[in-house]
């Protein structure tokens, strides 16, 4: 499971919102890292797409944070980033030098599928009806996000038959 140190059976709505916000922040940061890598490798289209995904994650995180503020004002959080890993963030090994826009979108699609699987996995363990409702909403949003990415993928031409791994730089002595 992508979370540790969290008892899902006693998860409160405040903690669930905090967890959801952290998931969005983690994904936003990873997309920004990927965008920077793509810019470094002169792959601007993939970088633009990763920046777009980072903006979407930031927007969703801000919406969740506003919801939390409305319900719980400035109550302290008991959930930390150390309690989750890669719930929705793309896997580090998916970034490649000279990555195509299609490959970037496929990475994002995989991340949306991973997030959906997370919510599906945790829902049966939840007891609080408000937490169940929030996580059901988030699970369903992941399906919507998958659909949007798939629609964008369908608009792209196929990739060239080049393997981006063939362009990796070998370490050299200085």
C-alpha atoms as a PDB file:
ATOM      1  CA  UNK A   1       0.000   0.000   0.000  1.00  0.00           C
ATOM      2  CA  UNK A   2       1.156   3.539  -0.710  1.00  0.00           C
ATOM      3  CA  UNK A   3       0.513   4.779   2.848  1.00  0.00           C
ATOM      4  CA  UNK A   4       2.047   3.753   6.152  1.00  0.00           C
ATOM      5  CA  UNK A   5       1.395   4.668   9.764  1.00  0.00           C
ATOM      6  CA  UNK A   6      -2.241   5.496   9.010  1.00  0.00           C
ATOM      7  CA  UNK A   7      -5.067   3.465  10.525  1.00  0.00           C
ATOM      8  CA  UNK A   8      -7.672   3.622   7.771  1.00  0.00           C
ATOM      9  CA  UNK A   9     -10.414   2.304  10.073  1.00  0.00           C
ATOM     10  CA  UNK A  10     -10.140   5.414  12.277  1.00  0.00           C
ATOM     11  CA  UNK A  11      -9.312   7.940   9.563  1.00  0.00           C
ATOM     12  CA  UNK A  12     -11.161  11.208  10.168  1.00  0.00           C
ATOM     13  CA  UNK A  13     -12.408  13.531   7.453  1.00  0.00           C
ATOM     14  CA  UNK A  14      -9.769  16.097   8.447  1.00  0.00           C
ATOM     15  CA  UNK A  15      -6.999  13.517   8.122  1.00  0.00           C
ATOM     16  CA  UNK A  16      -8.479  12.209   4.862  1.00  0.00           C
ATOM     17  CA  UNK A  17      -8.447  15.719   3.404  1.00  0.00           C
ATOM     18  CA  UNK A  18      -4.881  16.218   4.609  1.00  0.00           C
ATOM     19  CA  UNK A  19      -3.873  12.934   2.992  1.00  0.00           C
ATOM     20  CA  UNK A  20      -5.577  13.897  -0.280  1.00  0.00           C
ATOM     21  CA  UNK A  21      -3.844  17.296  -0.275  1.00  0.00           C
ATOM     22  CA  UNK A  22      -0.461  15.638   0.276  1.00  0.00           C
ATOM     23  CA  UNK A  23      -1.142  13.213  -2.580  1.00  0.00           C
ATOM     24  CA  UNK A  24      -1.777  16.163  -4.902  1.00  0.00           C
ATOM     25  CA  UNK A  25       1.318  18.014  -3.659  1.00  0.00           C
ATOM     26  CA  UNK A  26       3.517  14.954  -4.195  1.00  0.00           C
ATOM     27  CA  UNK A  27       2.221  14.510  -7.751  1.00  0.00           C
ATOM     28  CA  UNK A  28       2.636  18.233  -8.494  1.00  0.00           C
ATOM     29  CA  UNK A  29       6.252  18.174  -7.315  1.00  0.00           C
ATOM     30  CA  UNK A  30       7.077  15.058  -9.359  1.00  0.00           C
ATOM     31  CA  UNK A  31       5.536  16.553 -12.509  1.00  0.00           C
ATOM     32  CA  UNK A  32       7.616  19.696 -11.975  1.00  0.00           C
ATOM     33  CA  UNK A  33      10.739  17.552 -11.587  1.00  0.00           C
ATOM     34  CA  UNK A  34       9.902  15.737 -14.822  1.00  0.00           C
ATOM     35  CA  UNK A  35       9.244  19.024 -16.629  1.00  0.00           C
ATOM     36  CA  UNK A  36      12.654  20.310 -15.556  1.00  0.00           C
ATOM     37  CA  UNK A  37      14.294  17.096 -16.754  1.00  0.00           C
ATOM     38  CA  UNK A  38      12.565  17.353 -20.131  1.00  0.00           C
ATOM     39  CA  UNK A  39      13.668  20.977 -20.499  1.00  0.00           C
ATOM     40  CA  UNK A  40      17.228  19.927 -19.684  1.00  0.00           C
ATOM     41  CA  UNK A  41      17.035  17.295 -22.429  1.00  0.00           C
ATOM     42  CA  UNK A  42      15.527  19.744 -24.938  1.00  0.00           C
ATOM     43  CA  UNK A  43      12.166  17.984 -25.060  1.00  0.00           C
ATOM     44  CA  UNK A  44       9.864  21.011 -24.737  1.00  0.00           C
ATOM     45  CA  UNK A  45       6.591  19.306 -25.706  1.00  0.00           C
ATOM     46  CA  UNK A  46       6.904  16.704 -22.947  1.00  0.00           C
ATOM     47  CA  UNK A  47       8.016  19.445 -20.542  1.00  0.00           C
ATOM     48  CA  UNK A  48       4.927  21.517 -21.400  1.00  0.00           C
ATOM     49  CA  UNK A  49       2.667  18.553 -20.783  1.00  0.00           C
ATOM     50  CA  UNK A  50       4.294  17.808 -17.408  1.00  0.00           C
ATOM     51  CA  UNK A  51       3.926  21.481 -16.428  1.00  0.00           C
ATOM     52  CA  UNK A  52       0.251  21.264 -17.427  1.00  0.00           C
ATOM     53  CA  UNK A  53      -0.160  18.200 -15.188  1.00  0.00           C
ATOM     54  CA  UNK A  54       1.628  19.985 -12.322  1.00  0.00           C
ATOM     55  CA  UNK A  55      -0.807  22.900 -12.663  1.00  0.00           C
ATOM     56  CA  UNK A  56      -3.769  20.519 -12.564  1.00  0.00           C
ATOM     57  CA  UNK A  57      -2.458  18.801  -9.447  1.00  0.00           C
ATOM     58  CA  UNK A  58      -1.864  22.204  -7.805  1.00  0.00           C
ATOM     59  CA  UNK A  59      -5.385  23.334  -8.676  1.00  0.00           C
ATOM     60  CA  UNK A  60      -6.935  20.178  -7.260  1.00  0.00           C
ATOM     61  CA  UNK A  61      -4.771  20.419  -4.140  1.00  0.00           C
ATOM     62  CA  UNK A  62      -5.854  24.046  -3.630  1.00  0.00           C
ATOM     63  CA  UNK A  63      -9.519  23.058  -3.958  1.00  0.00           C
ATOM     64  CA  UNK A  64      -9.059  20.345  -1.337  1.00  0.00           C
ATOM     65  CA  UNK A  65      -7.144  22.749   0.939  1.00  0.00           C
ATOM     66  CA  UNK A  66      -9.958  25.295   0.687  1.00  0.00           C
ATOM     67  CA  UNK A  67     -12.479  22.616   1.558  1.00  0.00           C
ATOM     68  CA  UNK A  68     -10.368  21.626   4.563  1.00  0.00           C
ATOM     69  CA  UNK A  69     -10.117  25.271   5.732  1.00  0.00           C
ATOM     70  CA  UNK A  70     -13.879  25.706   5.477  1.00  0.00           C
ATOM     71  CA  UNK A  71     -14.485  22.627   7.613  1.00  0.00           C
ATOM     72  CA  UNK A  72     -11.565  22.655  10.047  1.00  0.00           C
ATOM     73  CA  UNK A  73     -10.050  26.166   9.897  1.00  0.00           C
ATOM     74  CA  UNK A  74      -6.392  25.920  10.966  1.00  0.00           C
ATOM     75  CA  UNK A  75      -6.587  22.699  12.955  1.00  0.00           C
ATOM     76  CA  UNK A  76      -3.188  20.972  12.907  1.00  0.00           C
ATOM     77  CA  UNK A  77      -2.568  18.058  10.595  1.00  0.00           C
ATOM     78  CA  UNK A  78      -1.529  14.663  11.909  1.00  0.00           C
ATOM     79  CA  UNK A  79      -0.794  13.267   8.433  1.00  0.00           C
ATOM     80  CA  UNK A  80       2.679  13.865   6.978  1.00  0.00           C
ATOM     81  CA  UNK A  81       4.388  13.257   3.647  1.00  0.00           C
ATOM     82  CA  UNK A  82       6.422  10.535   5.331  1.00  0.00           C
ATOM     83  CA  UNK A  83       3.183   8.524   5.558  1.00  0.00           C
ATOM     84  CA  UNK A  84       2.686   8.240   1.799  1.00  0.00           C
ATOM     85  CA  UNK A  85       4.703   7.409  -1.275  1.00  0.00           C
ATOM     86  CA  UNK A  86       3.794   7.536  -4.929  1.00  0.00           C
ATOM     87  CA  UNK A  87       0.030   7.412  -4.542  1.00  0.00           C
ATOM     88  CA  UNK A  88      -0.486   9.487  -7.684  1.00  0.00           C
ATOM     89  CA  UNK A  89       2.968  10.774  -8.554  1.00  0.00           C
ATOM     90  CA  UNK A  90       4.493   9.270 -11.681  1.00  0.00           C
ATOM     91  CA  UNK A  91       7.182   6.686 -11.010  1.00  0.00           C
ATOM     92  CA  UNK A  92      10.694   8.111 -11.162  1.00  0.00           C
ATOM     93  CA  UNK A  93      11.802   5.496 -13.669  1.00  0.00           C
ATOM     94  CA  UNK A  94       9.212   6.665 -16.210  1.00  0.00           C
ATOM     95  CA  UNK A  95      11.113   9.832 -17.128  1.00  0.00           C
ATOM     96  CA  UNK A  96      13.398   9.434 -20.118  1.00  0.00           C
ATOM     97  CA  UNK A  97      15.704  11.760 -21.976  1.00  0.00           C
ATOM     98  CA  UNK A  98      14.072  12.785 -25.255  1.00  0.00           C
ATOM     99  CA  UNK A  99      10.661  11.652 -24.001  1.00  0.00           C
ATOM    100  CA  UNK A 100       7.821  12.210 -26.456  1.00  0.00           C
ATOM    101  CA  UNK A 101       4.575  13.930 -25.586  1.00  0.00           C
ATOM    102  CA  UNK A 102       2.844  10.572 -26.066  1.00  0.00           C
ATOM    103  CA  UNK A 103       5.197   8.923 -23.554  1.00  0.00           C
ATOM    104  CA  UNK A 104       4.619  11.805 -21.118  1.00  0.00           C
ATOM    105  CA  UNK A 105       0.858  11.370 -21.447  1.00  0.00           C
ATOM    106  CA  UNK A 106       1.159   7.615 -20.993  1.00  0.00           C
ATOM    107  CA  UNK A 107       3.112   8.267 -17.800  1.00  0.00           C
ATOM    108  CA  UNK A 108       0.337  10.576 -16.587  1.00  0.00           C
ATOM    109  CA  UNK A 109      -2.308   8.003 -17.522  1.00  0.00           C
ATOM    110  CA  UNK A 110      -0.441   5.381 -15.502  1.00  0.00           C
ATOM    111  CA  UNK A 111      -0.371   7.793 -12.542  1.00  0.00           C
ATOM    112  CA  UNK A 112      -4.120   8.394 -12.753  1.00  0.00           C
ATOM    113  CA  UNK A 113      -4.695   4.627 -12.900  1.00  0.00           C
ATOM    114  CA  UNK A 114      -2.410   4.164  -9.898  1.00  0.00           C
ATOM    115  CA  UNK A 115      -4.331   6.786  -7.897  1.00  0.00           C
ATOM    116  CA  UNK A 116      -7.638   5.156  -8.817  1.00  0.00           C
ATOM    117  CA  UNK A 117      -6.312   1.779  -7.665  1.00  0.00           C
ATOM    118  CA  UNK A 118      -5.231   3.349  -4.364  1.00  0.00           C
ATOM    119  CA  UNK A 119      -8.716   4.676  -3.633  1.00  0.00           C
ATOM    120  CA  UNK A 120     -10.314   1.382  -4.673  1.00  0.00           C
ATOM    121  CA  UNK A 121      -7.928  -0.460  -2.343  1.00  0.00           C
ATOM    122  CA  UNK A 122      -8.523   1.721   0.723  1.00  0.00           C
ATOM    123  CA  UNK A 123     -12.294   2.221   0.443  1.00  0.00           C
ATOM    124  CA  UNK A 124     -13.248  -1.164   1.999  1.00  0.00           C
ATOM    125  CA  UNK A 125     -11.146  -0.333   5.091  1.00  0.00           C
ATOM    126  CA  UNK A 126     -12.795   3.011   5.837  1.00  0.00           C
ATOM    127  CA  UNK A 127     -15.446   3.341   8.536  1.00  0.00           C
ATOM    128  CA  UNK A 128     -16.334   7.049   8.648  1.00  0.00           C
ATOM    129  CA  UNK A 129     -19.129   7.758   6.135  1.00  0.00           C
ATOM    130  CA  UNK A 130     -17.733  11.233   5.357  1.00  0.00           C
ATOM    131  CA  UNK A 131     -14.320   9.741   4.569  1.00  0.00           C
ATOM    132  CA  UNK A 132     -15.959   7.064   2.415  1.00  0.00           C
ATOM    133  CA  UNK A 133     -17.834   9.797   0.520  1.00  0.00           C
ATOM    134  CA  UNK A 134     -14.641  11.855  -0.001  1.00  0.00           C
ATOM    135  CA  UNK A 135     -12.565   8.899  -1.182  1.00  0.00           C
ATOM    136  CA  UNK A 136     -15.394   7.711  -3.444  1.00  0.00           C
ATOM    137  CA  UNK A 137     -15.465  11.184  -4.990  1.00  0.00           C
ATOM    138  CA  UNK A 138     -11.679  11.142  -5.439  1.00  0.00           C
ATOM    139  CA  UNK A 139     -11.777   7.632  -6.936  1.00  0.00           C
ATOM    140  CA  UNK A 140     -14.384   8.750  -9.455  1.00  0.00           C
ATOM    141  CA  UNK A 141     -12.376  11.880 -10.327  1.00  0.00           C
ATOM    142  CA  UNK A 142      -9.422   9.658 -11.194  1.00  0.00           C
ATOM    143  CA  UNK A 143     -11.592   7.910 -13.798  1.00  0.00           C
ATOM    144  CA  UNK A 144     -12.502  11.315 -15.243  1.00  0.00           C
ATOM    145  CA  UNK A 145      -8.813  12.261 -15.359  1.00  0.00           C
ATOM    146  CA  UNK A 146      -7.981   8.997 -17.135  1.00  0.00           C
ATOM    147  CA  UNK A 147     -10.646   9.737 -19.739  1.00  0.00           C
ATOM    148  CA  UNK A 148      -9.259  13.237 -20.343  1.00  0.00           C
ATOM    149  CA  UNK A 149      -5.703  11.947 -20.796  1.00  0.00           C
ATOM    150  CA  UNK A 150      -6.914   9.174 -23.125  1.00  0.00           C
ATOM    151  CA  UNK A 151      -8.758  11.729 -25.243  1.00  0.00           C
ATOM    152  CA  UNK A 152      -5.565  13.778 -25.570  1.00  0.00           C
ATOM    153  CA  UNK A 153      -3.555  10.655 -26.400  1.00  0.00           C
ATOM    154  CA  UNK A 154      -6.000   9.800 -29.179  1.00  0.00           C
ATOM    155  CA  UNK A 155      -5.274  13.168 -30.823  1.00  0.00           C
ATOM    156  CA  UNK A 156      -1.527  12.532 -31.055  1.00  0.00           C
ATOM    157  CA  UNK A 157       0.237  10.905 -33.976  1.00  0.00           C
ATOM    158  CA  UNK A 158       2.054   7.655 -33.196  1.00  0.00           C
ATOM    159  CA  UNK A 159       5.601   7.899 -31.875  1.00  0.00           C
ATOM    160  CA  UNK A 160       8.551   7.175 -34.108  1.00  0.00           C
ATOM    161  CA  UNK A 161      10.022   3.700 -33.744  1.00  0.00           C
ATOM    162  CA  UNK A 162      12.899   5.051 -31.662  1.00  0.00           C
ATOM    163  CA  UNK A 163      13.601   3.810 -28.163  1.00  0.00           C
ATOM    164  CA  UNK A 164      14.440   6.752 -25.859  1.00  0.00           C
ATOM    165  CA  UNK A 165      16.633   4.415 -23.785  1.00  0.00           C
ATOM    166  CA  UNK A 166      18.972   4.191 -26.781  1.00  0.00           C
ATOM    167  CA  UNK A 167      19.886   7.848 -26.249  1.00  0.00           C
ATOM    168  CA  UNK A 168      21.115   7.558 -22.662  1.00  0.00           C
ATOM    169  CA  UNK A 169      24.529   8.993 -21.948  1.00  0.00           C
ATOM    170  CA  UNK A 170      27.024   6.550 -20.568  1.00  0.00           C
ATOM    171  CA  UNK A 171      29.092   7.733 -17.593  1.00  0.00           C
ATOM    172  CA  UNK A 172      32.522   8.930 -18.639  1.00  0.00           C
ATOM    173  CA  UNK A 173      35.687   9.783 -16.765  1.00  0.00           C
ATOM    174  CA  UNK A 174      36.409  13.438 -16.215  1.00  0.00           C
END
